[in-house]
Amino acid sequence: MPLSSLSQQSSGSPGAACSSISSGEADALAPQVEPANAERLERAQACLDAGDTERARQLLSEVESSDDATARSVASRMRQGLG
């Protein structure tokens, strides 16, 4: 499901949009990142798109504490964009 369709398929709450990303989509968008971290990054982006910055920060923090250097770098850049 493309990120643009999240608002159409969610129940209207930011939490619903945050959990709507499949691991296959995350893998396709970040193939060099471990699958679990790729999914977290995609969910974080979906949360940001839905306006749920608190949940996005939580997900990015989880990725930043992983041993996946590529994922940590992506998460760090995303967090910097949050201000």
Foldseek 3Di string as FASTA:
>chain_A
DDLVCLCVPAPLDLVRQLPPDDLVVLCVVCVLWDSVLSSLQVSLVSSVVSVNNVSSLVSLVVQCPDPTVVSVVVSVVVVVVVD
